[in-house]
Each structure stands twice: as structure tokens, then as C-alpha cells.
Amino acid sequence: MCPGSPARETTADQAIRARTESSFFEALEIPGGKPVDVGKLDVAALVNASAPNTHFRINDDEKENFNATWRMKLREVFAAQNIVDELQEWESTGLSRGRWCLKLQVMAIKPNSWFRVHGHPNIEFEHTLAGVLKEVRMKEPLQIDTFTPMGDGTLEGPDLGAMLAAKRQKEAAVDDDFYHGEVRKGEFLANSVGSVHQTYTEEEGALVLVLWSGCHANIRPEKCGGLADVLRPSAGWSCSCFEE
């Protein structure tokens, strides 16, 4: 199956709906400190490596087109969001925001799971292979300049409550800083530096291919509670990444 192909029920859709545990599969680490030749990334091979578990397999005669479409969408989606400079920085240096190497990874996220509210200190690019990845997203990115390691390989995000309180007071804004979004099977999403959201799944679950650093700037519940009814500030804090 190629990126962006018409949605239809597949074995992978059935498998992700039936999952009782979420899994991160072995990643393809992309070295930093030198230019990245995106044309040499065999994305299809990485996806197929997890096929025995995910039931999502790309046929041999579709691999070339899958890789070509993924590369095309990578540039298209970043350009559409006016953040192509962030992508070009990584391609030219192998580092996002001058610091983070990226990797490609397949994730199988079980139904009815929530990640922590988090900010992005670097770029991400996500492609939904099966199911639906949903999110509550902050409309405007934040300037995330400082990070505190949390001891579990992640970073502590900013005090979102304080930042939004100042913004709302200055602009006399109402509580409309967040909106619902979703990335359906065959669709793509770019997360810019400073973007803030909370991703989750419903009964469909989500099988996703992600280009990311492996690190989020997680925002503690006390620093994002009460901001919007659509957020679940405490979700994900009882385990490593997500919870029901």
C-alpha cells in the first residue's frame, strides 16, 4: 500500500484495533553532523521489518513508489505549513535545531490511549499507516528555549498555564487556544519546533510511521491543567508514554 492511497479495511486495521498493548519497533537511526540524503532512506524496508507484528506490509512492486511518495510528502507538508526551513536545516546538517538527530520508527498505538501534553523541541513528521491518530493541538507554536531533563529520556516542557494566561490577558482572548485534529490512514502531519499538542487514539487505534528525535518536552499536569476542557493533563503520567 502506498502513502495517501484510498482508505479501505485491511488486516493492519483489524490488527491495530485488536491490540491490547502499544509497541515502539526498532528504529532506523539517522546520523547527525552531516547532510542527510533523504533519497537513500529505505522507508518501506523499515515498515516491512515490523510487518510480522503489525500486519502492514508493502509489496515488492510497491516499495519504490512508497519511498518516493513519502519523500514527496515530507517536503510538501513542511512547505504547506511554511516551515520548510526547519526541514532544510535537518537535511543539510543531520540535526534538528542544531542539536537533535532524528530517526525513523514504526509505532503501534493501542485503542483508547492518550499521550502526555507535550511540546516539540525539534521537528517531527508522521504518517498514519492504519487507524486514526487524533490530537488536541494548540493553535500557535511556542518558543521553547530551555529544557529540564526528567530522568526518563524526556524533557520537561514549559509552564503552559502561565504562558497562556499572559497571552490571554494581553490579547483579551477567550479560551479558544486549542482545537481537535486527526491524521487518518494515508495522511501526514508535520510538527514544527515549538508546536504543542496531546495525541490520542479512540477505538480505531493507530499504526504510525514517525520521523522524530525520540524526545518530547512533556508538560506536567499542574502546568497545563484547567486550560481547556479538551485536554487531559494527567493522561500518560502513570506510565512511560500513554494510558487509557
Protein backbone atom coordinates (compact mmCIF):
# COMPACT_ATOMS: atom_id res chain seq x y z
CA MET A 1 0.00 0.00 0.00
CA CYS A 2 1.32 3.44 -0.92
CA PRO A 3 1.14 6.62 1.18
CA GLY A 4 -2.06 8.52 0.52
CA SER A 5 -3.85 5.56 -1.06
CA PRO A 6 -7.65 5.37 -0.62
CA ALA A 7 -8.77 4.15 2.79
CA ARG A 8 -10.08 0.60 2.88
CA GLU A 9 -10.36 -2.03 5.56
CA THR A 10 -7.13 -4.04 5.81
CA THR A 11 -5.64 -6.71 8.02
CA ALA A 12 -3.49 -3.98 9.57
CA ASP A 13 -6.61 -2.00 10.52
CA GLN A 14 -8.07 -5.06 12.19
CA ALA A 15 -4.80 -5.81 13.97
CA ILE A 16 -4.38 -2.32 15.41
CA ARG A 17 -7.98 -2.26 16.65
CA ALA A 18 -7.39 -5.53 18.45
CA ARG A 19 -4.14 -4.51 20.19
CA THR A 20 -4.08 -4.58 23.97
CA GLU A 21 -0.56 -3.16 24.25
CA SER A 22 1.26 -0.36 22.44
CA SER A 23 4.67 -1.01 20.87
CA PHE A 24 7.59 1.01 19.50
CA PHE A 25 9.53 -1.05 16.96
CA GLU A 26 13.24 -0.95 16.19
CA ALA A 27 14.21 2.42 14.75
CA LEU A 28 16.43 3.45 11.88
CA GLU A 29 18.86 5.94 13.43
CA ILE A 30 19.92 8.72 11.04
CA PRO A 31 23.42 10.03 11.86
CA GLY A 32 23.82 13.73 12.61
CA GLY A 33 26.63 16.12 11.88
CA LYS A 34 26.48 15.67 8.12
CA PRO A 35 23.92 16.18 5.32
CA VAL A 36 21.08 13.68 5.09
CA ASP A 37 20.39 12.09 1.71
CA VAL A 38 16.65 11.51 2.08
CA GLY A 39 16.65 9.67 -1.25
CA LYS A 40 18.68 6.87 0.33
CA LEU A 41 16.27 6.25 3.22
CA ASP A 42 14.53 2.92 2.61
CA VAL A 43 11.35 3.71 4.48
CA ALA A 44 9.50 0.73 3.00
CA ALA A 45 12.09 -1.70 4.36
CA LEU A 46 11.71 -0.27 7.85
CA VAL A 47 7.92 -0.58 7.67
CA ASN A 48 8.16 -4.17 6.45
CA ALA A 49 10.56 -5.10 9.26
CA SER A 50 7.67 -4.75 11.73
CA ALA A 51 5.10 -6.41 9.44
CA PRO A 52 5.07 -9.76 11.31
CA ASN A 53 3.71 -7.83 14.28
CA THR A 54 1.67 -5.08 12.60
CA HIS A 55 0.35 -6.96 9.53
CA PHE A 56 1.16 -3.89 7.41
CA ARG A 57 3.34 -5.00 4.53
CA ILE A 58 4.38 -3.18 1.35
CA ASN A 59 4.58 -5.44 -1.68
CA ASP A 60 7.87 -5.62 -3.59
CA ASP A 61 6.39 -3.90 -6.64
CA GLU A 62 5.12 -1.01 -4.45
CA LYS A 63 8.26 -0.30 -2.41
CA GLU A 64 9.81 2.20 -4.81
CA ASN A 65 6.58 4.17 -5.10
CA PHE A 66 6.06 4.08 -1.33
CA ASN A 67 9.50 5.58 -0.72
CA ALA A 68 9.10 8.19 -3.46
CA THR A 69 5.69 9.26 -2.17
CA TRP A 70 6.94 9.51 1.41
CA ARG A 71 9.82 11.76 0.31
CA MET A 72 7.47 13.94 -1.76
CA LYS A 73 5.00 14.32 1.11
CA LEU A 74 7.84 15.15 3.51
CA ARG A 75 8.61 18.28 1.52
CA GLU A 76 5.01 19.09 0.60
CA VAL A 77 3.70 19.03 4.16
CA PHE A 78 6.53 21.11 5.61
CA ALA A 79 6.16 23.60 2.76
CA ALA A 80 2.38 23.81 3.25
CA GLN A 81 2.95 24.79 6.90
CA ASN A 82 5.64 27.35 5.97
CA ILE A 83 8.30 25.51 7.97
CA VAL A 84 10.41 24.15 5.14
CA ASP A 85 13.43 25.96 6.63
CA GLU A 86 13.23 23.67 9.65
CA LEU A 87 13.29 20.62 7.39
CA GLN A 88 16.16 22.02 5.31
CA GLU A 89 18.24 22.62 8.44
CA TRP A 90 17.97 18.93 9.31
CA GLU A 91 18.67 17.80 5.74
CA SER A 92 21.79 19.98 5.49
CA THR A 93 23.25 19.20 8.93
CA GLY A 94 21.64 15.99 10.15
CA LEU A 95 20.45 17.89 13.21
CA SER A 96 17.13 19.49 14.05
CA ARG A 97 17.52 22.84 15.73
CA GLY A 98 21.25 22.31 15.77
CA ARG A 99 21.05 19.64 18.43
CA TRP A 100 18.88 16.60 17.77
CA CYS A 101 19.48 13.65 15.47
CA LEU A 102 16.31 12.10 14.08
CA LYS A 103 15.23 8.51 13.50
CA LEU A 104 12.50 6.64 11.64
CA GLN A 105 10.28 4.41 13.72
CA VAL A 106 7.02 2.48 13.46
CA MET A 107 4.66 2.73 16.44
CA ALA A 108 1.56 0.65 17.11
CA ILE A 109 -0.66 2.61 19.49
CA LYS A 110 -3.48 0.62 21.02
CA PRO A 111 -7.08 1.92 21.05
CA ASN A 112 -8.16 4.49 23.64
CA SER A 113 -4.68 5.70 24.57
CA TRP A 114 -3.51 9.20 25.46
CA PHE A 115 -0.01 10.65 25.33
CA ARG A 116 1.11 13.39 27.71
CA VAL A 117 0.57 17.01 26.74
CA HIS A 118 3.89 17.90 25.16
CA GLY A 119 5.84 20.43 23.15
CA HIS A 120 8.24 19.69 20.30
CA PRO A 121 11.83 20.91 20.77
CA ASN A 122 12.57 19.62 17.25
CA ILE A 123 10.72 18.67 14.08
CA GLU A 124 8.62 15.56 13.55
CA PHE A 125 6.93 14.02 10.52
CA GLU A 126 4.16 11.46 10.97
CA HIS A 127 2.39 9.16 8.51
CA THR A 128 -0.62 7.11 9.60
CA LEU A 129 -0.46 3.60 8.16
CA ALA A 130 -3.62 2.21 9.77
CA GLY A 131 -6.29 3.52 12.12
CA VAL A 132 -6.55 7.20 13.11
CA LEU A 133 -4.17 9.32 15.18
CA LYS A 134 -6.10 12.11 16.91
CA GLU A 135 -4.91 15.19 18.71
CA VAL A 136 -5.77 18.30 20.68
CA ARG A 137 -3.45 20.99 19.30
CA MET A 138 -2.52 24.47 20.41
CA LYS A 139 -3.17 26.90 17.58
CA GLU A 140 0.13 28.77 17.82
CA PRO A 141 3.61 27.26 18.43
CA LEU A 142 5.56 28.35 21.48
CA GLN A 143 9.15 29.45 21.76
CA ILE A 144 10.69 26.56 23.67
CA ASP A 145 14.25 27.60 24.53
CA THR A 146 15.06 25.90 27.82
CA PHE A 147 14.71 22.26 28.77
CA THR A 148 14.95 20.30 32.01
CA PRO A 149 15.81 16.59 31.73
CA MET A 150 13.22 14.47 33.51
CA GLY A 151 15.32 11.36 34.05
CA ASP A 152 13.30 9.10 31.74
CA GLY A 153 14.88 10.28 28.49
CA THR A 154 12.35 13.08 28.04
CA LEU A 155 12.40 16.79 28.75
CA GLU A 156 10.16 18.94 30.89
CA GLY A 157 8.10 21.38 28.85
CA PRO A 158 7.22 24.98 29.66
CA ASP A 159 4.66 26.30 32.12
CA LEU A 160 1.86 26.38 29.58
CA GLY A 161 -0.67 27.79 32.03
CA ALA A 162 1.46 30.82 32.83
CA MET A 163 2.28 31.44 29.17
CA LEU A 164 -1.34 31.28 28.07
CA ALA A 165 -2.54 33.38 30.99
CA ALA A 166 -0.18 36.17 29.93
CA LYS A 167 -1.25 35.80 26.31
CA ARG A 168 -4.95 35.89 27.10
CA GLN A 169 -4.55 38.92 29.36
CA LYS A 170 -2.59 40.78 26.71
CA GLU A 171 -4.96 39.94 23.87
CA ALA A 172 -8.18 39.78 25.91
CA ALA A 173 -8.59 36.35 24.33
CA VAL A 174 -11.13 33.71 25.29
CA ASP A 175 -10.50 30.02 25.83
CA ASP A 176 -10.02 29.08 22.18
CA ASP A 177 -6.32 28.27 22.06
CA PHE A 178 -6.82 24.57 21.22
CA TYR A 179 -8.58 22.60 18.53
CA HIS A 180 -9.20 18.95 17.64
CA GLY A 181 -7.41 17.37 14.70
CA GLU A 182 -6.83 13.92 13.28
CA VAL A 183 -4.45 12.16 10.89
CA ARG A 184 -6.36 9.40 9.13
CA LYS A 185 -4.91 6.39 7.35
CA GLY A 186 -2.82 7.56 4.39
CA GLU A 187 -2.43 11.12 5.74
CA PHE A 188 0.63 13.00 7.01
CA LEU A 189 1.42 15.56 9.71
CA ALA A 190 4.44 17.78 10.37
CA ASN A 191 5.15 19.05 13.87
CA SER A 192 7.13 22.28 13.85
CA VAL A 193 9.60 23.34 16.53
CA GLY A 194 7.55 24.71 19.43
CA SER A 195 4.27 23.07 18.47
CA VAL A 196 2.20 21.81 21.41
CA HIS A 197 -0.41 19.08 21.37
CA GLN A 198 -1.78 15.97 23.05
CA THR A 199 -2.19 12.95 20.81
CA TYR A 200 -4.58 10.09 21.47
CA THR A 201 -6.46 7.24 19.86
CA GLU A 202 -10.05 6.07 20.05
CA GLU A 203 -11.46 2.66 19.13
CA GLU A 204 -9.51 2.51 15.83
CA GLY A 205 -6.04 2.66 17.41
CA ALA A 206 -3.21 3.94 15.20
CA LEU A 207 -0.26 2.43 13.39
CA VAL A 208 2.13 5.25 12.53
CA LEU A 209 5.49 5.84 10.88
CA VAL A 210 7.35 8.70 12.54
CA LEU A 211 10.48 10.69 11.76
CA TRP A 212 11.40 12.08 15.19
CA SER A 213 14.14 12.51 17.78
CA GLY A 214 12.55 10.19 20.34
CA CYS A 215 12.22 13.09 22.75
CA HIS A 216 9.28 15.32 23.70
CA ALA A 217 9.12 18.24 26.11
CA ASN A 218 6.38 16.90 28.37
CA ILE A 219 4.23 19.42 30.22
CA ARG A 220 3.37 18.50 33.80
CA PRO A 221 -0.34 18.35 34.72
CA GLU A 222 -0.06 21.25 37.14
CA LYS A 223 1.36 23.41 34.34
CA CYS A 224 -1.43 22.77 31.84
CA GLY A 225 -4.48 21.93 33.95
CA GLY A 226 -7.65 23.98 33.55
CA LEU A 227 -6.61 25.49 30.22
CA ALA A 228 -9.19 23.77 28.05
CA ASP A 229 -11.85 21.12 28.53
CA VAL A 230 -10.46 19.19 25.55
CA LEU A 231 -7.12 18.47 27.28
CA ARG A 232 -6.45 15.58 29.66
CA PRO A 233 -3.46 16.98 31.62
CA SER A 234 -2.89 13.93 33.83
CA ALA A 235 -3.02 11.38 31.00
CA GLY A 236 0.20 9.48 30.34
CA TRP A 237 1.87 10.24 33.66
CA SER A 238 1.11 6.88 35.27
CA CYS A 239 3.24 5.10 32.64
CA SER A 240 6.09 5.87 30.23
CA CYS A 241 4.11 7.40 27.36
CA PHE A 242 0.38 6.89 27.32
CA GLU A 243 -2.57 5.48 29.20
CA GLU A 244 -6.22 4.71 28.79
